[in-house]
N, C-alpha and C. Protein backbone atom coordinates (compact mmCIF):
# COMPACT_ATOMS: atom_id res chain seq x y z
N MET A 1 62.05 112.97 -5.19
CA MET A 1 62.17 114.25 -5.87
C MET A 1 62.05 115.35 -4.83
N GLY A 2 62.90 116.33 -4.97
CA GLY A 2 62.93 117.42 -4.01
C GLY A 2 62.18 118.65 -4.49
N PHE A 3 61.09 118.46 -5.26
CA PHE A 3 60.32 119.61 -5.74
C PHE A 3 58.86 119.22 -5.88
N THR A 4 58.01 120.24 -5.84
CA THR A 4 56.57 120.03 -5.97
C THR A 4 56.16 120.23 -7.43
N PRO A 5 54.95 119.80 -7.78
CA PRO A 5 54.45 120.11 -9.12
C PRO A 5 54.45 121.61 -9.41
N ARG A 6 54.16 122.45 -8.41
CA ARG A 6 54.17 123.90 -8.60
C ARG A 6 55.59 124.40 -8.89
N ASP A 7 56.59 123.83 -8.16
CA ASP A 7 57.99 124.20 -8.41
C ASP A 7 58.36 123.85 -9.86
N PHE A 8 57.93 122.67 -10.31
CA PHE A 8 58.23 122.22 -11.67
C PHE A 8 57.60 123.16 -12.69
N ARG A 9 56.34 123.49 -12.47
CA ARG A 9 55.63 124.41 -13.39
C ARG A 9 56.30 125.78 -13.43
N ASP A 10 56.67 126.31 -12.27
CA ASP A 10 57.34 127.61 -12.22
C ASP A 10 58.68 127.58 -12.94
N CYS A 11 59.41 126.48 -12.79
CA CYS A 11 60.69 126.34 -13.49
C CYS A 11 60.47 126.33 -15.00
N LEU A 12 59.49 125.58 -15.47
CA LEU A 12 59.20 125.52 -16.91
C LEU A 12 58.76 126.88 -17.44
N GLY A 13 58.13 127.68 -16.58
CA GLY A 13 57.69 129.02 -16.98
C GLY A 13 58.84 129.97 -17.28
N LEU A 14 60.05 129.57 -16.93
CA LEU A 14 61.23 130.40 -17.23
C LEU A 14 61.68 130.22 -18.67
N PHE A 15 61.10 129.26 -19.36
CA PHE A 15 61.40 129.06 -20.77
C PHE A 15 60.37 129.83 -21.58
N ALA A 16 60.78 130.93 -22.18
CA ALA A 16 59.85 131.74 -22.98
C ALA A 16 59.43 130.95 -24.21
N THR A 17 58.13 130.98 -24.50
CA THR A 17 57.60 130.26 -25.66
C THR A 17 56.71 131.17 -26.49
N GLY A 18 56.52 130.77 -27.71
CA GLY A 18 55.50 131.39 -28.52
C GLY A 18 54.14 130.88 -28.07
N VAL A 19 53.09 131.48 -28.58
CA VAL A 19 51.74 131.08 -28.21
C VAL A 19 50.98 130.76 -29.49
N ALA A 20 50.27 129.66 -29.47
CA ALA A 20 49.51 129.23 -30.64
C ALA A 20 48.14 128.72 -30.21
N VAL A 21 47.24 128.62 -31.16
CA VAL A 21 45.94 128.01 -30.93
C VAL A 21 45.81 126.86 -31.92
N ALA A 22 45.61 125.66 -31.39
CA ALA A 22 45.33 124.51 -32.23
C ALA A 22 43.83 124.52 -32.52
N THR A 23 43.47 124.25 -33.76
CA THR A 23 42.06 124.24 -34.16
C THR A 23 41.76 122.99 -34.96
N CYS A 24 40.51 122.56 -34.87
CA CYS A 24 40.01 121.46 -35.69
C CYS A 24 38.50 121.59 -35.75
N LEU A 25 37.88 120.69 -36.46
CA LEU A 25 36.42 120.62 -36.49
C LEU A 25 35.99 119.51 -35.54
N ASP A 26 34.95 119.79 -34.73
CA ASP A 26 34.45 118.76 -33.83
C ASP A 26 33.56 117.78 -34.59
N SER A 27 32.96 116.85 -33.89
CA SER A 27 32.15 115.81 -34.53
C SER A 27 30.92 116.37 -35.25
N ARG A 28 30.51 117.60 -34.91
CA ARG A 28 29.38 118.25 -35.58
C ARG A 28 29.83 119.13 -36.74
N GLY A 29 31.16 119.17 -36.97
CA GLY A 29 31.69 120.02 -38.04
C GLY A 29 31.88 121.46 -37.63
N GLU A 30 31.82 121.74 -36.33
CA GLU A 30 31.99 123.09 -35.80
C GLU A 30 33.45 123.31 -35.43
N PRO A 31 34.00 124.51 -35.69
CA PRO A 31 35.39 124.77 -35.32
C PRO A 31 35.55 124.90 -33.81
N ILE A 32 36.62 124.31 -33.29
CA ILE A 32 36.99 124.47 -31.88
C ILE A 32 38.47 124.79 -31.83
N GLY A 33 38.90 125.34 -30.71
CA GLY A 33 40.31 125.68 -30.57
C GLY A 33 40.77 125.59 -29.14
N LEU A 34 42.08 125.53 -28.98
CA LEU A 34 42.71 125.41 -27.68
C LEU A 34 44.06 126.10 -27.71
N THR A 35 44.31 127.00 -26.74
CA THR A 35 45.60 127.67 -26.66
C THR A 35 46.67 126.66 -26.24
N ILE A 36 47.79 126.70 -26.97
CA ILE A 36 48.89 125.78 -26.68
C ILE A 36 50.21 126.57 -26.66
N ASN A 37 51.16 126.09 -25.89
CA ASN A 37 52.51 126.61 -26.00
C ASN A 37 53.51 125.47 -26.05
N SER A 38 53.00 124.24 -26.03
CA SER A 38 53.86 123.07 -26.15
C SER A 38 53.89 122.65 -27.62
N PHE A 39 54.47 123.49 -28.44
CA PHE A 39 54.50 123.29 -29.88
C PHE A 39 55.95 123.26 -30.34
N SER A 40 56.26 122.34 -31.27
CA SER A 40 57.64 122.23 -31.73
C SER A 40 57.69 121.61 -33.11
N SER A 41 58.75 121.95 -33.83
CA SER A 41 59.02 121.23 -35.08
C SER A 41 59.60 119.87 -34.72
N VAL A 42 59.40 118.89 -35.59
CA VAL A 42 59.91 117.55 -35.38
C VAL A 42 60.86 117.17 -36.50
N SER A 43 60.43 117.42 -37.74
CA SER A 43 61.19 116.95 -38.90
C SER A 43 60.94 117.87 -40.08
N LEU A 44 61.98 118.04 -40.91
CA LEU A 44 61.81 118.78 -42.16
C LEU A 44 61.37 117.86 -43.29
N GLU A 45 61.86 116.63 -43.30
CA GLU A 45 61.51 115.64 -44.33
C GLU A 45 61.12 114.33 -43.65
N PRO A 46 59.86 114.02 -43.55
CA PRO A 46 58.72 114.82 -43.97
C PRO A 46 58.50 115.98 -42.99
N PRO A 47 57.73 116.99 -43.41
CA PRO A 47 57.50 118.14 -42.53
C PRO A 47 56.53 117.76 -41.40
N LEU A 48 57.05 117.65 -40.18
CA LEU A 48 56.26 117.24 -39.02
C LEU A 48 56.40 118.26 -37.89
N VAL A 49 55.29 118.49 -37.18
CA VAL A 49 55.27 119.31 -35.97
C VAL A 49 54.55 118.52 -34.88
N LEU A 50 54.72 118.96 -33.64
CA LEU A 50 53.99 118.32 -32.54
C LEU A 50 53.48 119.37 -31.57
N TRP A 51 52.46 118.97 -30.83
CA TRP A 51 51.96 119.74 -29.70
C TRP A 51 51.35 118.77 -28.72
N CYS A 52 51.20 119.21 -27.47
CA CYS A 52 50.73 118.33 -26.40
C CYS A 52 49.34 118.74 -25.93
N LEU A 53 48.52 117.73 -25.67
CA LEU A 53 47.12 117.93 -25.29
C LEU A 53 46.84 117.21 -23.98
N ASP A 54 46.32 117.92 -23.01
CA ASP A 54 45.96 117.36 -21.71
C ASP A 54 44.84 116.34 -21.90
N ARG A 55 45.01 115.17 -21.32
CA ARG A 55 43.99 114.12 -21.42
C ARG A 55 42.66 114.56 -20.79
N ALA A 56 42.70 115.51 -19.85
CA ALA A 56 41.48 115.98 -19.19
C ALA A 56 40.80 117.12 -19.94
N SER A 57 41.37 117.57 -21.05
CA SER A 57 40.80 118.68 -21.80
C SER A 57 39.44 118.31 -22.38
N ALA A 58 38.52 119.26 -22.36
CA ALA A 58 37.20 119.06 -22.97
C ALA A 58 37.33 118.85 -24.48
N THR A 59 38.44 119.26 -25.06
CA THR A 59 38.65 119.12 -26.51
C THR A 59 39.39 117.82 -26.88
N TYR A 60 39.71 117.01 -25.89
CA TYR A 60 40.51 115.79 -26.12
C TYR A 60 39.91 114.90 -27.22
N GLY A 61 38.64 114.58 -27.11
CA GLY A 61 38.00 113.69 -28.08
C GLY A 61 38.02 114.25 -29.49
N ALA A 62 37.76 115.54 -29.61
CA ALA A 62 37.74 116.16 -30.94
C ALA A 62 39.13 116.13 -31.58
N PHE A 63 40.15 116.51 -30.83
CA PHE A 63 41.49 116.57 -31.43
C PHE A 63 42.07 115.19 -31.69
N THR A 64 41.81 114.23 -30.81
CA THR A 64 42.40 112.91 -31.03
C THR A 64 41.68 112.12 -32.11
N SER A 65 40.48 112.54 -32.47
CA SER A 65 39.78 111.85 -33.56
C SER A 65 39.83 112.62 -34.89
N ALA A 66 40.27 113.87 -34.85
CA ALA A 66 40.33 114.69 -36.07
C ALA A 66 41.47 114.21 -36.97
N ASP A 67 41.17 114.06 -38.25
CA ASP A 67 42.20 113.70 -39.23
C ASP A 67 43.02 114.92 -39.63
N ILE A 68 42.42 116.10 -39.53
CA ILE A 68 43.05 117.36 -39.94
C ILE A 68 42.96 118.35 -38.79
N PHE A 69 44.02 119.10 -38.55
CA PHE A 69 44.00 120.18 -37.57
C PHE A 69 44.93 121.28 -38.05
N ALA A 70 44.87 122.42 -37.40
CA ALA A 70 45.77 123.53 -37.72
C ALA A 70 46.42 124.03 -36.45
N VAL A 71 47.62 124.56 -36.60
CA VAL A 71 48.29 125.30 -35.54
C VAL A 71 48.40 126.73 -36.03
N ASN A 72 47.78 127.64 -35.28
CA ASN A 72 47.75 129.06 -35.60
C ASN A 72 48.68 129.78 -34.65
N ILE A 73 49.82 130.26 -35.13
CA ILE A 73 50.80 130.94 -34.29
C ILE A 73 50.34 132.39 -34.11
N LEU A 74 50.14 132.78 -32.85
CA LEU A 74 49.56 134.09 -32.57
C LEU A 74 50.57 135.22 -32.65
N ALA A 75 50.07 136.35 -33.11
CA ALA A 75 50.87 137.57 -33.24
C ALA A 75 50.76 138.40 -31.96
N GLU A 76 51.73 139.28 -31.79
CA GLU A 76 51.72 140.25 -30.71
C GLU A 76 50.36 140.95 -30.70
N GLY A 77 49.81 141.15 -29.54
CA GLY A 77 48.51 141.81 -29.42
C GLY A 77 47.33 140.85 -29.43
N CYS A 78 47.58 139.56 -29.61
CA CYS A 78 46.49 138.57 -29.65
C CYS A 78 46.28 137.88 -28.30
N HIS A 79 46.67 138.54 -27.22
CA HIS A 79 46.54 137.90 -25.91
C HIS A 79 45.09 137.61 -25.53
N GLU A 80 44.14 138.41 -25.99
CA GLU A 80 42.72 138.12 -25.70
C GLU A 80 42.28 136.83 -26.41
N THR A 81 42.76 136.63 -27.61
CA THR A 81 42.47 135.38 -28.33
C THR A 81 43.07 134.20 -27.58
N ALA A 82 44.30 134.35 -27.12
CA ALA A 82 44.95 133.28 -26.36
C ALA A 82 44.17 132.99 -25.08
N ARG A 83 43.74 134.02 -24.38
CA ARG A 83 42.94 133.81 -23.15
C ARG A 83 41.61 133.14 -23.47
N HIS A 84 40.97 133.58 -24.55
CA HIS A 84 39.67 133.01 -24.94
C HIS A 84 39.79 131.50 -25.11
N PHE A 85 40.79 131.06 -25.85
CA PHE A 85 40.92 129.64 -26.15
C PHE A 85 41.57 128.84 -25.02
N SER A 86 42.03 129.52 -23.97
CA SER A 86 42.56 128.80 -22.80
C SER A 86 41.51 128.62 -21.72
N ASP A 87 40.36 129.26 -21.89
CA ASP A 87 39.27 129.18 -20.91
C ASP A 87 38.45 127.91 -21.16
N PRO A 88 38.40 127.01 -20.18
CA PRO A 88 37.63 125.77 -20.39
C PRO A 88 36.13 126.01 -20.57
N CYS A 89 35.63 127.18 -20.19
CA CYS A 89 34.21 127.50 -20.35
C CYS A 89 33.97 128.37 -21.58
N ARG A 90 34.96 128.45 -22.46
CA ARG A 90 34.86 129.34 -23.62
C ARG A 90 33.68 128.96 -24.51
N GLU A 91 33.21 129.96 -25.20
CA GLU A 91 32.19 129.74 -26.21
C GLU A 91 32.88 129.41 -27.52
N ALA A 92 32.11 129.00 -28.49
CA ALA A 92 32.67 128.76 -29.82
C ALA A 92 33.26 130.06 -30.35
N PRO A 93 34.28 129.97 -31.18
CA PRO A 93 34.88 131.19 -31.73
C PRO A 93 33.91 131.93 -32.63
N ASP A 94 34.10 133.23 -32.73
CA ASP A 94 33.32 134.07 -33.63
C ASP A 94 33.57 133.62 -35.07
N PRO A 95 32.52 133.24 -35.80
CA PRO A 95 32.71 132.76 -37.16
C PRO A 95 33.42 133.76 -38.07
N GLY A 96 33.35 135.05 -37.73
CA GLY A 96 34.02 136.06 -38.54
C GLY A 96 35.53 136.04 -38.39
N THR A 97 36.04 135.37 -37.37
CA THR A 97 37.48 135.35 -37.13
C THR A 97 38.13 134.07 -37.64
N ILE A 98 37.32 133.17 -38.18
CA ILE A 98 37.82 131.88 -38.63
C ILE A 98 37.44 131.66 -40.09
N ARG A 99 38.36 131.06 -40.82
CA ARG A 99 38.07 130.70 -42.21
C ARG A 99 38.64 129.30 -42.45
N PRO A 100 38.08 128.58 -43.39
CA PRO A 100 38.63 127.26 -43.69
C PRO A 100 39.92 127.38 -44.49
N GLY A 101 40.90 126.57 -44.13
CA GLY A 101 42.14 126.50 -44.90
C GLY A 101 41.97 125.58 -46.09
N ARG A 102 43.05 125.40 -46.83
CA ARG A 102 43.01 124.52 -48.01
C ARG A 102 42.63 123.09 -47.65
N SER A 103 43.02 122.66 -46.46
CA SER A 103 42.72 121.30 -46.01
C SER A 103 41.33 121.19 -45.39
N GLY A 104 40.71 122.34 -45.12
CA GLY A 104 39.44 122.36 -44.41
C GLY A 104 39.61 122.67 -42.94
N ALA A 105 40.84 122.67 -42.44
CA ALA A 105 41.08 123.00 -41.04
C ALA A 105 40.73 124.47 -40.79
N PRO A 106 40.14 124.79 -39.64
CA PRO A 106 39.81 126.17 -39.33
C PRO A 106 41.07 126.99 -39.02
N LEU A 107 41.18 128.17 -39.64
CA LEU A 107 42.31 129.06 -39.46
C LEU A 107 41.86 130.36 -38.82
N LEU A 108 42.61 130.86 -37.85
CA LEU A 108 42.31 132.14 -37.20
C LEU A 108 42.89 133.27 -38.03
N ASP A 109 42.04 134.20 -38.44
CA ASP A 109 42.47 135.31 -39.29
C ASP A 109 43.62 136.13 -38.72
N GLU A 110 43.63 136.34 -37.40
CA GLU A 110 44.62 137.24 -36.81
C GLU A 110 45.98 136.59 -36.54
N ALA A 111 46.12 135.31 -36.80
CA ALA A 111 47.39 134.62 -36.55
C ALA A 111 48.47 135.12 -37.50
N MET A 112 49.72 135.00 -37.07
CA MET A 112 50.85 135.40 -37.92
C MET A 112 51.33 134.25 -38.79
N ALA A 113 50.91 133.03 -38.45
CA ALA A 113 51.25 131.87 -39.26
C ALA A 113 50.23 130.77 -39.03
N HIS A 114 50.00 129.99 -40.07
CA HIS A 114 49.10 128.83 -39.99
C HIS A 114 49.86 127.63 -40.52
N LEU A 115 49.73 126.51 -39.83
CA LEU A 115 50.23 125.23 -40.32
C LEU A 115 49.05 124.28 -40.35
N GLU A 116 48.64 123.89 -41.54
CA GLU A 116 47.55 122.93 -41.68
C GLU A 116 48.17 121.55 -41.69
N CYS A 117 47.64 120.66 -40.87
CA CYS A 117 48.28 119.37 -40.65
C CYS A 117 47.29 118.20 -40.77
N ALA A 118 47.81 117.08 -41.24
CA ALA A 118 47.11 115.80 -41.18
C ALA A 118 47.68 115.05 -39.98
N ARG A 119 46.81 114.41 -39.21
CA ARG A 119 47.30 113.65 -38.06
C ARG A 119 48.27 112.58 -38.54
N HIS A 120 49.47 112.58 -38.00
CA HIS A 120 50.52 111.63 -38.36
C HIS A 120 50.64 110.54 -37.29
N ALA A 121 50.58 110.95 -36.01
CA ALA A 121 50.72 109.99 -34.91
C ALA A 121 50.22 110.64 -33.62
N ILE A 122 49.85 109.80 -32.67
CA ILE A 122 49.53 110.25 -31.32
C ILE A 122 50.32 109.34 -30.38
N HIS A 123 51.07 109.97 -29.46
CA HIS A 123 51.92 109.22 -28.53
C HIS A 123 51.52 109.52 -27.09
N ASP A 124 51.78 108.56 -26.21
CA ASP A 124 51.56 108.75 -24.79
C ASP A 124 52.54 109.78 -24.27
N GLY A 125 52.06 110.65 -23.40
CA GLY A 125 52.92 111.65 -22.77
C GLY A 125 52.49 111.90 -21.34
N GLY A 126 52.30 110.84 -20.57
CA GLY A 126 51.87 111.00 -19.17
C GLY A 126 50.44 111.48 -19.10
N ASP A 127 50.22 112.63 -18.46
CA ASP A 127 48.85 113.15 -18.36
C ASP A 127 48.44 113.90 -19.63
N HIS A 128 49.31 113.89 -20.63
CA HIS A 128 49.04 114.49 -21.93
C HIS A 128 49.25 113.44 -23.03
N VAL A 129 48.76 113.76 -24.22
CA VAL A 129 49.14 113.01 -25.41
C VAL A 129 49.93 113.97 -26.30
N ILE A 130 50.80 113.39 -27.10
CA ILE A 130 51.61 114.17 -28.03
C ILE A 130 51.04 113.96 -29.42
N LEU A 131 50.50 115.01 -30.00
CA LEU A 131 49.93 114.93 -31.34
C LEU A 131 50.98 115.36 -32.35
N VAL A 132 51.26 114.50 -33.29
CA VAL A 132 52.22 114.81 -34.34
C VAL A 132 51.43 114.99 -35.64
N GLY A 133 51.67 116.11 -36.31
CA GLY A 133 50.98 116.40 -37.55
C GLY A 133 51.94 116.53 -38.71
N ARG A 134 51.53 116.00 -39.85
CA ARG A 134 52.29 116.20 -41.08
C ARG A 134 51.77 117.48 -41.72
N VAL A 135 52.64 118.43 -41.93
CA VAL A 135 52.24 119.74 -42.44
C VAL A 135 51.88 119.63 -43.92
N LEU A 136 50.65 120.07 -44.24
CA LEU A 136 50.13 120.03 -45.61
C LEU A 136 50.24 121.38 -46.30
N ALA A 137 50.10 122.45 -45.52
CA ALA A 137 50.11 123.81 -46.08
C ALA A 137 50.54 124.77 -44.99
N ILE A 138 51.18 125.86 -45.42
CA ILE A 138 51.57 126.92 -44.48
C ILE A 138 51.20 128.27 -45.08
N GLU A 139 50.97 129.23 -44.18
CA GLU A 139 50.78 130.63 -44.54
C GLU A 139 51.49 131.44 -43.47
N THR A 140 52.12 132.54 -43.87
CA THR A 140 52.75 133.43 -42.90
C THR A 140 52.41 134.87 -43.22
N ALA A 141 52.49 135.73 -42.20
CA ALA A 141 52.27 137.17 -42.36
C ALA A 141 53.38 137.90 -41.62
N PRO A 142 53.78 139.06 -42.09
CA PRO A 142 54.87 139.80 -41.46
C PRO A 142 54.41 140.50 -40.17
N LYS A 143 54.29 139.73 -39.11
CA LYS A 143 53.87 140.26 -37.81
C LYS A 143 54.89 139.83 -36.76
N ARG A 144 54.80 140.42 -35.58
CA ARG A 144 55.66 140.04 -34.46
C ARG A 144 54.92 139.02 -33.58
N PRO A 145 55.64 138.10 -32.94
CA PRO A 145 55.00 137.03 -32.18
C PRO A 145 54.52 137.45 -30.80
N LEU A 146 53.50 136.75 -30.33
CA LEU A 146 53.07 136.82 -28.93
C LEU A 146 53.95 135.83 -28.17
N VAL A 147 54.44 136.24 -27.00
CA VAL A 147 55.35 135.42 -26.21
C VAL A 147 54.72 135.17 -24.84
N TYR A 148 55.00 133.99 -24.27
CA TYR A 148 54.52 133.63 -22.94
C TYR A 148 55.74 133.37 -22.06
N PHE A 149 55.81 134.07 -20.91
CA PHE A 149 56.96 133.94 -20.01
C PHE A 149 56.51 134.19 -18.58
N ARG A 150 56.89 133.29 -17.68
CA ARG A 150 56.54 133.38 -16.26
C ARG A 150 55.04 133.59 -16.03
N GLY A 151 54.25 132.86 -16.80
CA GLY A 151 52.81 132.87 -16.59
C GLY A 151 52.09 134.09 -17.13
N THR A 152 52.73 134.86 -17.98
CA THR A 152 52.06 136.04 -18.54
C THR A 152 52.44 136.24 -20.00
N PHE A 153 51.57 136.90 -20.73
CA PHE A 153 51.83 137.21 -22.13
C PHE A 153 52.76 138.41 -22.21
N ASP A 154 53.64 138.37 -23.17
CA ASP A 154 54.63 139.44 -23.32
C ASP A 154 54.95 139.60 -24.80
N ARG A 155 55.93 140.42 -25.09
CA ARG A 155 56.38 140.60 -26.46
C ARG A 155 57.90 140.63 -26.48
N LEU A 156 58.46 140.43 -27.62
CA LEU A 156 59.92 140.45 -27.75
C LEU A 156 60.45 141.86 -27.56
N GLY A 157 61.62 141.95 -26.89
CA GLY A 157 62.39 143.18 -26.75
C GLY A 157 61.61 144.41 -26.71
């Protein structure tokens, strides 16, 4: 291969993505979250989505053992929330910013969309695992998305 891991990462950074926070309850029943941008739809029937989780993440055990999780798609202006949940030394989220969804999955109040999911499958993905969730419930709000491009948060047009 004629490229370094840094070259590969920089190339992937040219693909603008939305920003989301995956949330679940840990083994103590406390909400935890992790900023993700490796999120995609998989299927309409049944309704499936996926996201990727680093095997080295401190949240790995919680997410891979959780039966229920949520994907909270962040709105423009939520870059501090995205940074908070991307920090490996982060504290637990402020309880005032989280509420339980219909499934019991923790939902971030400021998100523009929530997808509550039941774990459908977990697949090998190299240094990551691919978590596939069957969507149980959705909520949306008329907001603009937070975008990630070239290693920084941005907004559309």
